[in-house]
C-alpha atoms as a PDB file:
ATOM      1  CA  UNK A   1       6.673  17.865 -21.406  1.00  0.00           C
ATOM      2  CA  UNK A   2       8.548  14.666 -20.095  1.00  0.00           C
ATOM      3  CA  UNK A   3      10.798  14.247 -17.262  1.00  0.00           C
ATOM      4  CA  UNK A   4      13.819  12.104 -16.990  1.00  0.00           C
ATOM      5  CA  UNK A   5      15.527  10.130 -14.006  1.00  0.00           C
ATOM      6  CA  UNK A   6      18.954   8.339 -13.724  1.00  0.00           C
ATOM      7  CA  UNK A   7      19.495   5.689 -11.341  1.00  0.00           C
ATOM      8  CA  UNK A   8      22.596   3.637 -10.221  1.00  0.00           C
ATOM      9  CA  UNK A   9      22.665   0.249  -8.288  1.00  0.00           C
ATOM     10  CA  UNK A  10      26.227  -0.342  -7.161  1.00  0.00           C
ATOM     11  CA  UNK A  11      27.018  -4.040  -6.032  1.00  0.00           C
ATOM     12  CA  UNK A  12      30.112  -5.425  -4.554  1.00  0.00           C
ATOM     13  CA  UNK A  13      30.007  -8.431  -6.838  1.00  0.00           C
ATOM     14  CA  UNK A  14      31.249  -9.027 -10.187  1.00  0.00           C
ATOM     15  CA  UNK A  15      29.199  -8.061 -13.062  1.00  0.00           C
ATOM     16  CA  UNK A  16      28.986 -11.303 -14.582  1.00  0.00           C
ATOM     17  CA  UNK A  17      27.135 -12.501 -11.128  1.00  0.00           C
ATOM     18  CA  UNK A  18      24.825  -9.710 -11.374  1.00  0.00           C
ATOM     19  CA  UNK A  19      23.951 -10.521 -15.008  1.00  0.00           C
ATOM     20  CA  UNK A  20      23.403 -14.183 -14.143  1.00  0.00           C
ATOM     21  CA  UNK A  21      21.121 -13.136 -11.383  1.00  0.00           C
ATOM     22  CA  UNK A  22      18.977 -10.776 -13.744  1.00  0.00           C
ATOM     23  CA  UNK A  23      18.668 -13.286 -16.359  1.00  0.00           C
ATOM     24  CA  UNK A  24      17.688 -16.134 -14.040  1.00  0.00           C
ATOM     25  CA  UNK A  25      14.141 -17.112 -13.490  1.00  0.00           C
ATOM     26  CA  UNK A  26      14.532 -17.594  -9.729  1.00  0.00           C
ATOM     27  CA  UNK A  27      15.560 -14.192  -9.252  1.00  0.00           C
ATOM     28  CA  UNK A  28      12.432 -12.697 -10.961  1.00  0.00           C
ATOM     29  CA  UNK A  29      10.053 -15.261  -9.204  1.00  0.00           C
ATOM     30  CA  UNK A  30      11.630 -14.208  -5.929  1.00  0.00           C
ATOM     31  CA  UNK A  31      11.387 -10.491  -6.692  1.00  0.00           C
ATOM     32  CA  UNK A  32       7.905 -10.869  -7.869  1.00  0.00           C
ATOM     33  CA  UNK A  33       7.042 -12.823  -4.448  1.00  0.00           C
ATOM     34  CA  UNK A  34       8.740 -10.036  -2.582  1.00  0.00           C
ATOM     35  CA  UNK A  35       6.520  -7.409  -4.295  1.00  0.00           C
ATOM     36  CA  UNK A  36       3.395  -9.515  -3.529  1.00  0.00           C
ATOM     37  CA  UNK A  37       3.757  -8.471  -0.170  1.00  0.00           C
ATOM     38  CA  UNK A  38       2.700  -5.009  -1.066  1.00  0.00           C
ATOM     39  CA  UNK A  39       0.738  -5.098  -3.990  1.00  0.00           C
ATOM     40  CA  UNK A  40      -0.942  -7.754  -6.345  1.00  0.00           C
ATOM     41  CA  UNK A  41       1.872  -8.756  -8.687  1.00  0.00           C
ATOM     42  CA  UNK A  42       2.237 -11.513 -11.195  1.00  0.00           C
ATOM     43  CA  UNK A  43       5.239 -12.840 -13.547  1.00  0.00           C
ATOM     44  CA  UNK A  44       3.545 -13.246 -16.835  1.00  0.00           C
ATOM     45  CA  UNK A  45       6.464 -13.935 -18.964  1.00  0.00           C
ATOM     46  CA  UNK A  46      10.115 -15.178 -18.725  1.00  0.00           C
ATOM     47  CA  UNK A  47      12.259 -16.330 -21.584  1.00  0.00           C
ATOM     48  CA  UNK A  48      15.799 -16.392 -22.525  1.00  0.00           C
ATOM     49  CA  UNK A  49      17.629 -17.417 -25.494  1.00  0.00           C
ATOM     50  CA  UNK A  50      20.533 -16.273 -27.689  1.00  0.00           C
ATOM     51  CA  UNK A  51      19.052 -12.844 -28.321  1.00  0.00           C
ATOM     52  CA  UNK A  52      18.735 -12.274 -24.527  1.00  0.00           C
ATOM     53  CA  UNK A  53      16.402 -12.308 -21.664  1.00  0.00           C
ATOM     54  CA  UNK A  54      12.835 -11.170 -21.558  1.00  0.00           C
ATOM     55  CA  UNK A  55      10.645 -10.486 -18.162  1.00  0.00           C
ATOM     56  CA  UNK A  56       7.123  -9.315 -18.176  1.00  0.00           C
ATOM     57  CA  UNK A  57       5.129  -8.935 -14.953  1.00  0.00           C
ATOM     58  CA  UNK A  58       2.341  -6.919 -13.639  1.00  0.00           C
ATOM     59  CA  UNK A  59       1.485  -4.806 -10.730  1.00  0.00           C
ATOM     60  CA  UNK A  60      -2.103  -3.875  -9.844  1.00  0.00           C
ATOM     61  CA  UNK A  61      -2.331  -0.683  -7.837  1.00  0.00           C
ATOM     62  CA  UNK A  62      -5.477   0.492  -6.029  1.00  0.00           C
ATOM     63  CA  UNK A  63      -6.587   4.167  -6.268  1.00  0.00           C
ATOM     64  CA  UNK A  64      -6.542   4.418  -2.566  1.00  0.00           C
ATOM     65  CA  UNK A  65      -2.757   4.054  -2.783  1.00  0.00           C
ATOM     66  CA  UNK A  66      -2.731   7.137  -5.147  1.00  0.00           C
ATOM     67  CA  UNK A  67      -2.550  10.871  -4.264  1.00  0.00           C
ATOM     68  CA  UNK A  68      -6.210  12.320  -4.780  1.00  0.00           C
ATOM     69  CA  UNK A  69      -5.446  14.548  -7.838  1.00  0.00           C
ATOM     70  CA  UNK A  70      -4.099  11.296  -9.447  1.00  0.00           C
ATOM     71  CA  UNK A  71      -6.754   9.032  -8.342  1.00  0.00           C
ATOM     72  CA  UNK A  72      -9.362  11.629  -9.861  1.00  0.00           C
ATOM     73  CA  UNK A  73      -8.119  10.528 -13.418  1.00  0.00           C
ATOM     74  CA  UNK A  74      -7.533   6.789 -13.212  1.00  0.00           C
ATOM     75  CA  UNK A  75      -9.600   3.921 -12.849  1.00  0.00           C
ATOM     76  CA  UNK A  76     -10.590   2.213  -9.454  1.00  0.00           C
ATOM     77  CA  UNK A  77      -7.492  -0.201 -10.010  1.00  0.00           C
ATOM     78  CA  UNK A  78      -4.664   0.451 -12.479  1.00  0.00           C
ATOM     79  CA  UNK A  79      -2.653  -2.495 -13.955  1.00  0.00           C
ATOM     80  CA  UNK A  80       0.900  -1.624 -14.693  1.00  0.00           C
ATOM     81  CA  UNK A  81       2.739  -4.189 -16.900  1.00  0.00           C
ATOM     82  CA  UNK A  82       6.584  -4.031 -16.791  1.00  0.00           C
ATOM     83  CA  UNK A  83       8.505  -5.449 -19.780  1.00  0.00           C
ATOM     84  CA  UNK A  84      12.084  -5.884 -19.416  1.00  0.00           C
ATOM     85  CA  UNK A  85      14.917  -7.015 -21.608  1.00  0.00           C
ATOM     86  CA  UNK A  86      18.498  -7.827 -21.169  1.00  0.00           C
ATOM     87  CA  UNK A  87      20.788  -8.035 -24.016  1.00  0.00           C
ATOM     88  CA  UNK A  88      23.410 -11.022 -24.191  1.00  0.00           C
ATOM     89  CA  UNK A  89      26.366 -10.556 -21.656  1.00  0.00           C
ATOM     90  CA  UNK A  90      29.339  -9.116 -23.709  1.00  0.00           C
ATOM     91  CA  UNK A  91      32.442 -10.677 -22.372  1.00  0.00           C
ATOM     92  CA  UNK A  92      34.780  -8.316 -24.338  1.00  0.00           C
ATOM     93  CA  UNK A  93      33.550  -5.202 -22.698  1.00  0.00           C
ATOM     94  CA  UNK A  94      32.308  -6.921 -19.609  1.00  0.00           C
ATOM     95  CA  UNK A  95      29.039  -5.334 -19.842  1.00  0.00           C
ATOM     96  CA  UNK A  96      25.321  -5.854 -20.821  1.00  0.00           C
ATOM     97  CA  UNK A  97      22.610  -3.327 -22.197  1.00  0.00           C
ATOM     98  CA  UNK A  98      18.982  -3.577 -21.927  1.00  0.00           C
ATOM     99  CA  UNK A  99      15.677  -1.685 -22.051  1.00  0.00           C
ATOM    100  CA  UNK A 100      12.476  -1.641 -19.957  1.00  0.00           C
ATOM    101  CA  UNK A 101       8.916   0.035 -20.359  1.00  0.00           C
ATOM    102  CA  UNK A 102       5.749   0.269 -18.410  1.00  0.00           C
ATOM    103  CA  UNK A 103       2.543  -0.161 -20.161  1.00  0.00           C
ATOM    104  CA  UNK A 104      -0.745   1.310 -18.399  1.00  0.00           C
ATOM    105  CA  UNK A 105      -3.521   0.918 -20.830  1.00  0.00           C
ATOM    106  CA  UNK A 106      -5.881   2.921 -18.630  1.00  0.00           C
ATOM    107  CA  UNK A 107      -3.703   5.980 -18.559  1.00  0.00           C
ATOM    108  CA  UNK A 108      -2.224   8.260 -21.029  1.00  0.00           C
ATOM    109  CA  UNK A 109       1.406   7.368 -19.743  1.00  0.00           C
ATOM    110  CA  UNK A 110       4.678   6.574 -21.676  1.00  0.00           C
ATOM    111  CA  UNK A 111       7.314   5.348 -19.517  1.00  0.00           C
ATOM    112  CA  UNK A 112      10.488   3.486 -20.585  1.00  0.00           C
ATOM    113  CA  UNK A 113      14.175   3.541 -20.228  1.00  0.00           C
ATOM    114  CA  UNK A 114      17.578   1.745 -20.654  1.00  0.00           C
ATOM    115  CA  UNK A 115      19.973  -0.416 -18.568  1.00  0.00           C
ATOM    116  CA  UNK A 116      23.620  -0.335 -18.662  1.00  0.00           C
ATOM    117  CA  UNK A 117      25.256  -3.003 -16.548  1.00  0.00           C
ATOM    118  CA  UNK A 118      29.181  -2.669 -16.306  1.00  0.00           C
ATOM    119  CA  UNK A 119      32.124  -3.693 -14.105  1.00  0.00           C
ATOM    120  CA  UNK A 120      33.427  -1.200 -11.894  1.00  0.00           C
ATOM    121  CA  UNK A 121      36.689  -0.915  -9.498  1.00  0.00           C
ATOM    122  CA  UNK A 122      34.318  -2.160  -6.308  1.00  0.00           C
ATOM    123  CA  UNK A 123      32.299  -4.520  -8.220  1.00  0.00           C
ATOM    124  CA  UNK A 124      29.630  -3.778 -10.717  1.00  0.00           C
ATOM    125  CA  UNK A 125      27.035  -1.104 -11.715  1.00  0.00           C
ATOM    126  CA  UNK A 126      23.337  -1.094 -13.057  1.00  0.00           C
ATOM    127  CA  UNK A 127      22.550   2.362 -14.491  1.00  0.00           C
ATOM    128  CA  UNK A 128      18.999   2.942 -15.175  1.00  0.00           C
ATOM    129  CA  UNK A 129      17.922   5.867 -17.479  1.00  0.00           C
ATOM    130  CA  UNK A 130      14.016   6.393 -17.318  1.00  0.00           C
ATOM    131  CA  UNK A 131      11.756   8.719 -19.360  1.00  0.00           C
ATOM    132  CA  UNK A 132       8.340   9.452 -18.259  1.00  0.00           C
ATOM    133  CA  UNK A 133       5.685  11.258 -20.143  1.00  0.00           C
ATOM    134  CA  UNK A 134       1.727  11.861 -19.243  1.00  0.00           C
ATOM    135  CA  UNK A 135      -0.538  13.421 -21.704  1.00  0.00           C
ATOM    136  CA  UNK A 136      -2.854  15.241 -19.118  1.00  0.00           C
ATOM    137  CA  UNK A 137      -3.486  18.998 -19.498  1.00  0.00           C
ATOM    138  CA  UNK A 138      -2.504  21.037 -16.665  1.00  0.00           C
ATOM    139  CA  UNK A 139      -1.655  18.233 -14.158  1.00  0.00           C
ATOM    140  CA  UNK A 140       0.631  15.889 -16.424  1.00  0.00           C
ATOM    141  CA  UNK A 141       3.886  17.314 -14.956  1.00  0.00           C
ATOM    142  CA  UNK A 142       2.783  16.675 -11.530  1.00  0.00           C
ATOM    143  CA  UNK A 143       1.654  13.165 -12.401  1.00  0.00           C
ATOM    144  CA  UNK A 144       5.172  12.660 -13.845  1.00  0.00           C
ATOM    145  CA  UNK A 145       6.882  13.776 -10.787  1.00  0.00           C
ATOM    146  CA  UNK A 146       4.665  11.339  -8.879  1.00  0.00           C
ATOM    147  CA  UNK A 147       5.523   8.302 -10.974  1.00  0.00           C
ATOM    148  CA  UNK A 148       9.157   9.087 -10.900  1.00  0.00           C
ATOM    149  CA  UNK A 149       9.202   9.596  -7.172  1.00  0.00           C
ATOM    150  CA  UNK A 150       7.381   6.232  -6.814  1.00  0.00           C
ATOM    151  CA  UNK A 151       9.947   4.731  -9.165  1.00  0.00           C
ATOM    152  CA  UNK A 152      12.692   5.893  -7.191  1.00  0.00           C
ATOM    153  CA  UNK A 153      11.300   4.231  -4.127  1.00  0.00           C
ATOM    154  CA  UNK A 154      10.490   1.152  -6.067  1.00  0.00           C
ATOM    155  CA  UNK A 155      13.937   1.212  -7.483  1.00  0.00           C
ATOM    156  CA  UNK A 156      15.313   1.411  -3.779  1.00  0.00           C
ATOM    157  CA  UNK A 157      13.488  -1.573  -2.701  1.00  0.00           C
ATOM    158  CA  UNK A 158      14.423  -3.488  -5.644  1.00  0.00           C
ATOM    159  CA  UNK A 159      18.101  -2.517  -5.108  1.00  0.00           C
ATOM    160  CA  UNK A 160      17.727  -3.925  -1.471  1.00  0.00           C
ATOM    161  CA  UNK A 161      16.277  -7.054  -2.572  1.00  0.00           C
ATOM    162  CA  UNK A 162      18.862  -7.622  -5.386  1.00  0.00           C
ATOM    163  CA  UNK A 163      21.834  -6.988  -2.851  1.00  0.00           C
ATOM    164  CA  UNK A 164      20.215  -9.430  -0.419  1.00  0.00           C
ATOM    165  CA  UNK A 165      19.519 -11.855  -3.223  1.00  0.00           C
ATOM    166  CA  UNK A 166      22.807 -11.936  -4.834  1.00  0.00           C
ATOM    167  CA  UNK A 167      24.478 -12.395  -1.212  1.00  0.00           C
ATOM    168  CA  UNK A 168      22.406 -15.337  -0.495  1.00  0.00           C
ATOM    169  CA  UNK A 169      22.887 -16.819  -3.961  1.00  0.00           C
ATOM    170  CA  UNK A 170      26.378 -16.201  -4.914  1.00  0.00           C
END
């Protein structure tokens, strides 16, 4: 079984401004610095060219930060690598697409999703569609729900960071 989650970030800035932020190294360096306040986080890769922008960063999560049922089946520390890609901005549609995934070598987890960044009447919208699958008999569904609940909290904090960052940079 797998679980899906859609999440929308609405901003009162033009889509081009949001895209410019999501494809700038300073945005990702500042986001990683924000994450470092709560967990061991490192920007591992940032590259941009005519094919788009790729960002890779890692979070290291301690077992003590996990529910007991989940901590029982994972190592003492779990490293999550987040790989993200934004396609080039399309001025004809005033939008950009992308995709992301989380790699967790020590866990039987598959997590990925897509981005759609579009202009709205009030500004812009980033729609994230995520899919989580955990291959653990009996408790996989509970772990999937824990991952998606945690992801919702992560997306909430990244949304708030993004709103503040864009307000200060555009």
